[in-house]
PDB file of all heavy atoms in Angstrom:
ATOM      1  N   VAL A   1     -46.322  38.073  10.695  1.00  0.00           N
ATOM      2  CA  VAL A   1     -45.021  38.737  10.808  1.00  0.00           C
ATOM      3  C   VAL A   1     -44.034  37.815  11.525  1.00  0.00           C
ATOM      4  O   VAL A   1     -44.364  36.696  11.909  1.00  0.00           O
ATOM      5  CB  VAL A   1     -45.141  40.091  11.534  1.00  0.00           C
ATOM      6  CG1 VAL A   1     -46.047  41.022  10.746  1.00  0.00           C
ATOM      7  CG2 VAL A   1     -45.683  39.901  12.942  1.00  0.00           C
ATOM      8  N   GLU A   2     -42.799  38.313  11.707  1.00  0.00           N
ATOM      9  CA  GLU A   2     -41.707  37.465  12.150  1.00  0.00           C
ATOM     10  C   GLU A   2     -41.920  36.812  13.514  1.00  0.00           C
ATOM     11  O   GLU A   2     -41.393  35.715  13.753  1.00  0.00           O
ATOM     12  CB  GLU A   2     -40.408  38.268  12.180  1.00  0.00           C
ATOM     13  CG  GLU A   2     -40.416  39.462  13.123  1.00  0.00           C
ATOM     14  CD  GLU A   2     -39.093  40.222  13.076  1.00  0.00           C
ATOM     15  OE1 GLU A   2     -38.052  39.594  12.851  1.00  0.00           O
ATOM     16  OE2 GLU A   2     -39.111  41.453  13.265  1.00  0.00           O
ATOM     17  N   ASP A   3     -42.675  37.440  14.412  1.00  0.00           N
ATOM     18  CA  ASP A   3     -42.870  36.851  15.730  1.00  0.00           C
ATOM     19  C   ASP A   3     -44.112  35.963  15.800  1.00  0.00           C
ATOM     20  O   ASP A   3     -44.506  35.517  16.877  1.00  0.00           O
ATOM     21  CB  ASP A   3     -42.933  37.930  16.806  1.00  0.00           C
ATOM     22  CG  ASP A   3     -44.090  38.906  16.607  1.00  0.00           C
ATOM     23  OD1 ASP A   3     -44.925  38.668  15.711  1.00  0.00           O
ATOM     24  OD2 ASP A   3     -44.148  39.906  17.344  1.00  0.00           O
ATOM     25  N   GLY A   4     -44.736  35.707  14.656  1.00  0.00           N
ATOM     26  CA  GLY A   4     -45.866  34.796  14.603  1.00  0.00           C
ATOM     27  C   GLY A   4     -47.227  35.453  14.715  1.00  0.00           C
ATOM     28  O   GLY A   4     -48.256  34.771  14.607  1.00  0.00           O
ATOM     29  N   GLU A   5     -47.278  36.764  14.924  1.00  0.00           N
ATOM     30  CA  GLU A   5     -48.566  37.454  15.033  1.00  0.00           C
ATOM     31  C   GLU A   5     -49.151  37.709  13.650  1.00  0.00           C
ATOM     32  O   GLU A   5     -48.434  38.067  12.703  1.00  0.00           O
ATOM     33  CB  GLU A   5     -48.403  38.788  15.763  1.00  0.00           C
ATOM     34  CG  GLU A   5     -49.708  39.550  15.941  1.00  0.00           C
ATOM     35  CD  GLU A   5     -49.531  40.894  16.622  1.00  0.00           C
ATOM     36  OE1 GLU A   5     -48.399  41.216  17.036  1.00  0.00           O
ATOM     37  OE2 GLU A   5     -50.532  41.621  16.731  1.00  0.00           O
ATOM     38  N   ASP A   6     -50.460  37.539  13.541  1.00  0.00           N
ATOM     39  CA  ASP A   6     -51.169  37.897  12.311  1.00  0.00           C
ATOM     40  C   ASP A   6     -51.537  39.373  12.355  1.00  0.00           C
ATOM     41  O   ASP A   6     -52.084  39.858  13.357  1.00  0.00           O
ATOM     42  CB  ASP A   6     -52.439  37.066  12.154  1.00  0.00           C
ATOM     43  CG  ASP A   6     -52.151  35.616  11.797  1.00  0.00           C
ATOM     44  OD1 ASP A   6     -51.003  35.317  11.424  1.00  0.00           O
ATOM     45  OD2 ASP A   6     -53.067  34.788  11.907  1.00  0.00           O
ATOM     46  N   VAL A   7     -51.245  40.092  11.273  1.00  0.00           N
ATOM     47  CA  VAL A   7     -51.536  41.520  11.198  1.00  0.00           C
ATOM     48  C   VAL A   7     -52.349  41.795   9.939  1.00  0.00           C
ATOM     49  O   VAL A   7     -52.466  40.949   9.048  1.00  0.00           O
ATOM     50  CB  VAL A   7     -50.246  42.357  11.183  1.00  0.00           C
ATOM     51  CG1 VAL A   7     -49.474  42.165  12.488  1.00  0.00           C
ATOM     52  CG2 VAL A   7     -49.358  41.989   9.994  1.00  0.00           C
ATOM     53  N   ALA A   8     -52.927  43.004   9.870  1.00  0.00           N
ATOM     54  CA  ALA A   8     -53.790  43.378   8.749  1.00  0.00           C
ATOM     55  C   ALA A   8     -53.116  44.415   7.871  1.00  0.00           C
ATOM     56  O   ALA A   8     -52.537  45.387   8.356  1.00  0.00           O
ATOM     57  CB  ALA A   8     -55.113  43.927   9.269  1.00  0.00           C
ATOM     58  N   VAL A   9     -53.182  44.197   6.565  1.00  0.00           N
ATOM     59  CA  VAL A   9     -52.767  45.173   5.554  1.00  0.00           C
ATOM     60  C   VAL A   9     -53.980  45.377   4.663  1.00  0.00           C
ATOM     61  O   VAL A   9     -54.373  44.475   3.929  1.00  0.00           O
ATOM     62  CB  VAL A   9     -51.586  44.667   4.707  1.00  0.00           C
ATOM     63  CG1 VAL A   9     -51.075  45.782   3.803  1.00  0.00           C
ATOM     64  CG2 VAL A   9     -50.471  44.111   5.578  1.00  0.00           C
ATOM     65  N   ASP A  10     -54.598  46.560   4.712  1.00  0.00           N
ATOM     66  CA  ASP A  10     -55.874  46.744   4.029  1.00  0.00           C
ATOM     67  C   ASP A  10     -55.765  47.297   2.620  1.00  0.00           C
ATOM     68  O   ASP A  10     -56.596  46.984   1.781  1.00  0.00           O
ATOM     69  CB  ASP A  10     -56.782  47.646   4.863  1.00  0.00           C
ATOM     70  CG  ASP A  10     -57.240  46.960   6.139  1.00  0.00           C
ATOM     71  OD1 ASP A  10     -57.840  45.881   6.027  1.00  0.00           O
ATOM     72  OD2 ASP A  10     -56.969  47.489   7.230  1.00  0.00           O
ATOM     73  N   TYR A  11     -54.763  48.126   2.357  1.00  0.00           N
ATOM     74  CA  TYR A  11     -54.640  48.613   0.992  1.00  0.00           C
ATOM     75  C   TYR A  11     -53.214  49.014   0.666  1.00  0.00           C
ATOM     76  O   TYR A  11     -52.398  49.263   1.555  1.00  0.00           O
ATOM     77  CB  TYR A  11     -55.606  49.752   0.684  1.00  0.00           C
ATOM     78  CG  TYR A  11     -55.454  51.005   1.514  1.00  0.00           C
ATOM     79  CD1 TYR A  11     -54.645  52.060   1.094  1.00  0.00           C
ATOM     80  CD2 TYR A  11     -56.149  51.154   2.708  1.00  0.00           C
ATOM     81  CE1 TYR A  11     -54.541  53.219   1.841  1.00  0.00           C
ATOM     82  CE2 TYR A  11     -56.039  52.303   3.452  1.00  0.00           C
ATOM     83  CZ  TYR A  11     -55.233  53.341   3.018  1.00  0.00           C
ATOM     84  OH  TYR A  11     -55.113  54.485   3.759  1.00  0.00           O
ATOM     85  N   LEU A  12     -52.926  49.045  -0.629  1.00  0.00           N
ATOM     86  CA  LEU A  12     -51.608  49.400  -1.131  1.00  0.00           C
ATOM     87  C   LEU A  12     -51.648  50.777  -1.785  1.00  0.00           C
ATOM     88  O   LEU A  12     -52.650  51.175  -2.375  1.00  0.00           O
ATOM     89  CB  LEU A  12     -51.137  48.373  -2.166  1.00  0.00           C
ATOM     90  CG  LEU A  12     -50.961  46.934  -1.669  1.00  0.00           C
ATOM     91  CD1 LEU A  12     -50.537  46.038  -2.830  1.00  0.00           C
ATOM     92  CD2 LEU A  12     -49.952  46.865  -0.533  1.00  0.00           C
ATOM     93  N   ALA A  13     -50.550  51.482  -1.677  1.00  0.00           N
ATOM     94  CA  ALA A  13     -50.431  52.800  -2.302  1.00  0.00           C
ATOM     95  C   ALA A  13     -50.211  52.657  -3.802  1.00  0.00           C
ATOM     96  O   ALA A  13     -49.714  51.636  -4.296  1.00  0.00           O
ATOM     97  CB  ALA A  13     -49.271  53.573  -1.671  1.00  0.00           C
ATOM     98  N   ALA A  14     -50.577  53.710  -4.532  1.00  0.00           N
ATOM     99  CA  ALA A  14     -50.446  53.718  -5.985  1.00  0.00           C
ATOM    100  C   ALA A  14     -49.116  54.334  -6.405  1.00  0.00           C
ATOM    101  O   ALA A  14     -48.541  55.169  -5.705  1.00  0.00           O
ATOM    102  CB  ALA A  14     -51.601  54.509  -6.606  1.00  0.00           C
ATOM    103  N   ILE A  15     -48.649  53.930  -7.569  1.00  0.00           N
ATOM    104  CA  ILE A  15     -47.507  54.591  -8.191  1.00  0.00           C
ATOM    105  C   ILE A  15     -48.054  55.820  -8.906  1.00  0.00           C
ATOM    106  O   ILE A  15     -48.772  55.710  -9.904  1.00  0.00           O
ATOM    107  CB  ILE A  15     -46.794  53.664  -9.192  1.00  0.00           C
ATOM    108  CG1 ILE A  15     -46.195  52.460  -8.463  1.00  0.00           C
ATOM    109  CG2 ILE A  15     -45.708  54.428  -9.945  1.00  0.00           C
ATOM    110  CD1 ILE A  15     -45.535  51.446  -9.391  1.00  0.00           C
ATOM    111  N   GLY A  16     -47.756  57.008  -8.382  1.00  0.00           N
ATOM    112  CA  GLY A  16     -48.278  58.226  -8.985  1.00  0.00           C
ATOM    113  C   GLY A  16     -48.228  59.394  -8.034  1.00  0.00           C
ATOM    114  O   GLY A  16     -47.473  59.394  -7.061  1.00  0.00           O
ATOM    115  N   ARG A  17     -49.082  60.392  -8.310  1.00  0.00           N
ATOM    116  CA  ARG A  17     -49.038  61.659  -7.586  1.00  0.00           C
ATOM    117  C   ARG A  17     -50.397  62.094  -7.047  1.00  0.00           C
ATOM    118  O   ARG A  17     -50.560  63.256  -6.665  1.00  0.00           O
ATOM    119  CB  ARG A  17     -48.509  62.762  -8.512  1.00  0.00           C
ATOM    120  CG  ARG A  17     -47.176  62.468  -9.158  1.00  0.00           C
ATOM    121  CD  ARG A  17     -46.814  63.512 -10.196  1.00  0.00           C
ATOM    122  NE  ARG A  17     -45.587  63.197 -10.892  1.00  0.00           N
ATOM    123  CZ  ARG A  17     -44.378  63.492 -10.431  1.00  0.00           C
ATOM    124  NH1 ARG A  17     -44.256  64.130  -9.285  1.00  0.00           N
ATOM    125  NH2 ARG A  17     -43.286  63.166 -11.119  1.00  0.00           N
ATOM    126  N   SER A  18     -51.382  61.230  -7.028  1.00  0.00           N
ATOM    127  CA  SER A  18     -52.697  61.633  -6.532  1.00  0.00           C
ATOM    128  C   SER A  18     -52.568  62.136  -5.099  1.00  0.00           C
ATOM    129  O   SER A  18     -51.680  61.714  -4.351  1.00  0.00           O
ATOM    130  CB  SER A  18     -53.679  60.460  -6.595  1.00  0.00           C
ATOM    131  OG  SER A  18     -53.260  59.416  -5.734  1.00  0.00           O
ATOM    132  N   PRO A  19     -53.442  63.056  -4.679  1.00  0.00           N
ATOM    133  CA  PRO A  19     -53.263  63.726  -3.385  1.00  0.00           C
ATOM    134  C   PRO A  19     -53.148  62.808  -2.186  1.00  0.00           C
ATOM    135  O   PRO A  19     -52.354  63.066  -1.283  1.00  0.00           O
ATOM    136  CB  PRO A  19     -54.504  64.620  -3.287  1.00  0.00           C
ATOM    137  CG  PRO A  19     -54.891  64.882  -4.705  1.00  0.00           C
ATOM    138  CD  PRO A  19     -54.567  63.615  -5.436  1.00  0.00           C
ATOM    139  N   GLU A  20     -53.919  61.726  -2.134  1.00  0.00           N
ATOM    140  CA  GLU A  20     -53.964  60.954  -0.899  1.00  0.00           C
ATOM    141  C   GLU A  20     -53.299  59.596  -0.976  1.00  0.00           C
ATOM    142  O   GLU A  20     -52.536  59.240  -0.100  1.00  0.00           O
ATOM    143  CB  GLU A  20     -55.422  60.762  -0.451  1.00  0.00           C
ATOM    144  CG  GLU A  20     -56.083  62.040   0.011  1.00  0.00           C
ATOM    145  CD  GLU A  20     -57.426  61.775   0.670  1.00  0.00           C
ATOM    146  OE1 GLU A  20     -57.837  60.608   0.708  1.00  0.00           O
ATOM    147  OE2 GLU A  20     -58.038  62.739   1.143  1.00  0.00           O
ATOM    148  N   ASP A  21     -53.589  58.824  -1.990  1.00  0.00           N
ATOM    149  CA  ASP A  21     -53.261  57.412  -1.947  1.00  0.00           C
ATOM    150  C   ASP A  21     -52.127  56.993  -2.873  1.00  0.00           C
ATOM    151  O   ASP A  21     -52.117  55.871  -3.375  1.00  0.00           O
ATOM    152  CB  ASP A  21     -54.511  56.591  -2.263  1.00  0.00           C
ATOM    153  CG  ASP A  21     -55.579  56.812  -1.208  1.00  0.00           C
ATOM    154  OD1 ASP A  21     -55.282  56.642  -0.028  1.00  0.00           O
ATOM    155  OD2 ASP A  21     -56.707  57.169  -1.581  1.00  0.00           O
ATOM    156  N   SER A  22     -51.162  57.861  -3.102  1.00  0.00           N
ATOM    157  CA  SER A  22     -50.053  57.507  -3.972  1.00  0.00           C
ATOM    158  C   SER A  22     -48.725  57.727  -3.273  1.00  0.00           C
ATOM    159  O   SER A  22     -48.623  58.404  -2.247  1.00  0.00           O
ATOM    160  CB  SER A  22     -50.100  58.333  -5.262  1.00  0.00           C
ATOM    161  OG  SER A  22     -49.755  59.677  -4.992  1.00  0.00           O
ATOM    162  N   LEU A  23     -47.677  57.165  -3.859  1.00  0.00           N
ATOM    163  CA  LEU A  23     -46.337  57.244  -3.271  1.00  0.00           C
ATOM    164  C   LEU A  23     -45.829  58.682  -3.183  1.00  0.00           C
ATOM    165  O   LEU A  23     -45.078  59.018  -2.267  1.00  0.00           O
ATOM    166  CB  LEU A  23     -45.364  56.391  -4.085  1.00  0.00           C
ATOM    167  CG  LEU A  23     -45.668  54.896  -4.163  1.00  0.00           C
ATOM    168  CD1 LEU A  23     -44.590  54.182  -4.989  1.00  0.00           C
ATOM    169  CD2 LEU A  23     -45.775  54.279  -2.775  1.00  0.00           C
ATOM    170  N   LEU A  24     -46.228  59.529  -4.136  1.00  0.00           N
ATOM    171  CA  LEU A  24     -45.768  60.921  -4.143  1.00  0.00           C
ATOM    172  C   LEU A  24     -46.873  61.900  -3.745  1.00  0.00           C
ATOM    173  O   LEU A  24     -46.708  63.105  -3.892  1.00  0.00           O
ATOM    174  CB  LEU A  24     -45.238  61.297  -5.530  1.00  0.00           C
ATOM    175  CG  LEU A  24     -43.975  60.566  -5.992  1.00  0.00           C
ATOM    176  CD1 LEU A  24     -43.574  61.043  -7.382  1.00  0.00           C
ATOM    177  CD2 LEU A  24     -42.826  60.760  -5.017  1.00  0.00           C
TER     178      LEU A  24
END
């Protein structure tokens, strides 16, 4: 990130409407 720290991003959300892991 901008201040030089390493961070973790483990998963991306889906384009759709599923109950848990989507944008809607």
